[in-house]
Amino acid sequence: MSTLPSLASEQTAIGEQVLVPGVQPITPAERLAMLVNAPMQPRRPQRPADEGLFDTNARNQLEMF
């Protein structure tokens, strides 16, 4: 009979998590670096760019004249 290798685990806010062999857990510094490098998000809802080249409603017109 073969015995299973013991797997490493870590305690998280939602309970104990088993770590996959060869995979390192994400450190808080790596999490912060990912947030810093993420694209900026608008603070307010943006108006649609529906004029000129980006006017999707103009594409729905049937005839020009």
C-alpha atoms as a PDB file:
ATOM      1  CA  MET A   1       0.000   0.000   0.000  1.00  0.00           C
ATOM      2  CA  SER A   2       1.295   3.409  -0.908  1.00  0.00           C
ATOM      3  CA  THR A   3       0.823   6.350   1.386  1.00  0.00           C
ATOM      4  CA  LEU A   4      -0.230   9.736   0.121  1.00  0.00           C
ATOM      5  CA  PRO A   5       2.287  12.548   0.569  1.00  0.00           C
ATOM      6  CA  SER A   6       1.266  15.119   3.140  1.00  0.00           C
ATOM      7  CA  LEU A   7       0.126  18.322   1.485  1.00  0.00           C
ATOM      8  CA  ALA A   8       1.017  21.748   2.825  1.00  0.00           C
ATOM      9  CA  SER A   9      -1.841  23.951   3.939  1.00  0.00           C
ATOM     10  CA  GLU A  10      -2.405  27.504   5.069  1.00  0.00           C
ATOM     11  CA  GLN A  11      -5.044  29.088   7.267  1.00  0.00           C
ATOM     12  CA  THR A  12      -7.157  31.758   5.550  1.00  0.00           C
ATOM     13  CA  ALA A  13     -10.145  33.869   6.544  1.00  0.00           C
ATOM     14  CA  ILE A  14     -12.546  31.273   5.083  1.00  0.00           C
ATOM     15  CA  GLY A  15     -10.785  28.244   6.553  1.00  0.00           C
ATOM     16  CA  GLU A  16      -7.857  25.948   5.903  1.00  0.00           C
ATOM     17  CA  GLN A  17      -6.703  25.766   2.272  1.00  0.00           C
ATOM     18  CA  VAL A  18      -4.582  22.953   0.825  1.00  0.00           C
ATOM     19  CA  LEU A  19      -1.644  24.112  -1.292  1.00  0.00           C
ATOM     20  CA  VAL A  20      -0.910  22.366  -4.577  1.00  0.00           C
ATOM     21  CA  PRO A  21       2.645  20.983  -4.677  1.00  0.00           C
ATOM     22  CA  GLY A  22       4.951  23.312  -6.604  1.00  0.00           C
ATOM     23  CA  VAL A  23       2.585  26.301  -6.364  1.00  0.00           C
ATOM     24  CA  GLN A  24       3.462  29.118  -3.984  1.00  0.00           C
ATOM     25  CA  PRO A  25       0.722  31.109  -2.210  1.00  0.00           C
ATOM     26  CA  ILE A  26       0.287  34.749  -3.235  1.00  0.00           C
ATOM     27  CA  THR A  27       1.943  37.052  -0.735  1.00  0.00           C
ATOM     28  CA  PRO A  28       0.371  40.328   0.426  1.00  0.00           C
ATOM     29  CA  ALA A  29       3.158  42.224  -1.379  1.00  0.00           C
ATOM     30  CA  GLU A  30       2.285  40.473  -4.657  1.00  0.00           C
ATOM     31  CA  ARG A  31      -1.401  41.308  -4.149  1.00  0.00           C
ATOM     32  CA  LEU A  32      -0.591  44.991  -3.592  1.00  0.00           C
ATOM     33  CA  ALA A  33       1.699  45.064  -6.626  1.00  0.00           C
ATOM     34  CA  MET A  34      -1.108  43.625  -8.746  1.00  0.00           C
ATOM     35  CA  LEU A  35      -3.514  46.341  -7.535  1.00  0.00           C
ATOM     36  CA  VAL A  36      -0.965  49.109  -8.144  1.00  0.00           C
ATOM     37  CA  ASN A  37      -0.287  47.900 -11.704  1.00  0.00           C
ATOM     38  CA  ALA A  38      -3.989  47.531 -12.569  1.00  0.00           C
ATOM     39  CA  PRO A  39      -5.547  50.094 -14.942  1.00  0.00           C
ATOM     40  CA  MET A  40      -7.219  53.075 -13.318  1.00  0.00           C
ATOM     41  CA  GLN A  41     -10.984  52.878 -12.885  1.00  0.00           C
ATOM     42  CA  PRO A  42     -13.266  55.929 -13.211  1.00  0.00           C
ATOM     43  CA  ARG A  43     -14.668  57.369  -9.993  1.00  0.00           C
ATOM     44  CA  ARG A  44     -17.950  58.372 -11.652  1.00  0.00           C
ATOM     45  CA  PRO A  45     -19.959  56.650 -14.385  1.00  0.00           C
ATOM     46  CA  GLN A  46     -18.719  57.762 -17.799  1.00  0.00           C
ATOM     47  CA  ARG A  47     -20.909  59.126 -20.581  1.00  0.00           C
ATOM     48  CA  PRO A  48     -21.000  56.974 -23.708  1.00  0.00           C
ATOM     49  CA  ALA A  49     -18.887  58.079 -26.664  1.00  0.00           C
ATOM     50  CA  ASP A  50     -21.827  58.070 -29.084  1.00  0.00           C
ATOM     51  CA  GLU A  51     -20.832  60.753 -31.553  1.00  0.00           C
ATOM     52  CA  GLY A  52     -18.729  60.785 -34.672  1.00  0.00           C
ATOM     53  CA  LEU A  53     -16.767  57.612 -35.291  1.00  0.00           C
ATOM     54  CA  PHE A  54     -18.181  55.859 -32.204  1.00  0.00           C
ATOM     55  CA  ASP A  55     -21.868  56.611 -32.886  1.00  0.00           C
ATOM     56  CA  THR A  56     -23.462  53.160 -32.915  1.00  0.00           C
ATOM     57  CA  ASN A  57     -26.988  54.596 -33.326  1.00  0.00           C
ATOM     58  CA  ALA A  58     -26.060  56.168 -36.684  1.00  0.00           C
ATOM     59  CA  ARG A  59     -25.307  52.691 -38.028  1.00  0.00           C
ATOM     60  CA  ASN A  60     -28.973  51.755 -37.514  1.00  0.00           C
ATOM     61  CA  GLN A  61     -30.343  54.300 -40.006  1.00  0.00           C
ATOM     62  CA  LEU A  62     -31.864  52.750 -43.119  1.00  0.00           C
ATOM     63  CA  GLU A  63     -31.369  55.495 -45.699  1.00  0.00           C
ATOM     64  CA  MET A  64     -29.185  58.551 -46.006  1.00  0.00           C
ATOM     65  CA  PHE A  65     -31.779  60.704 -47.809  1.00  0.00           C
END
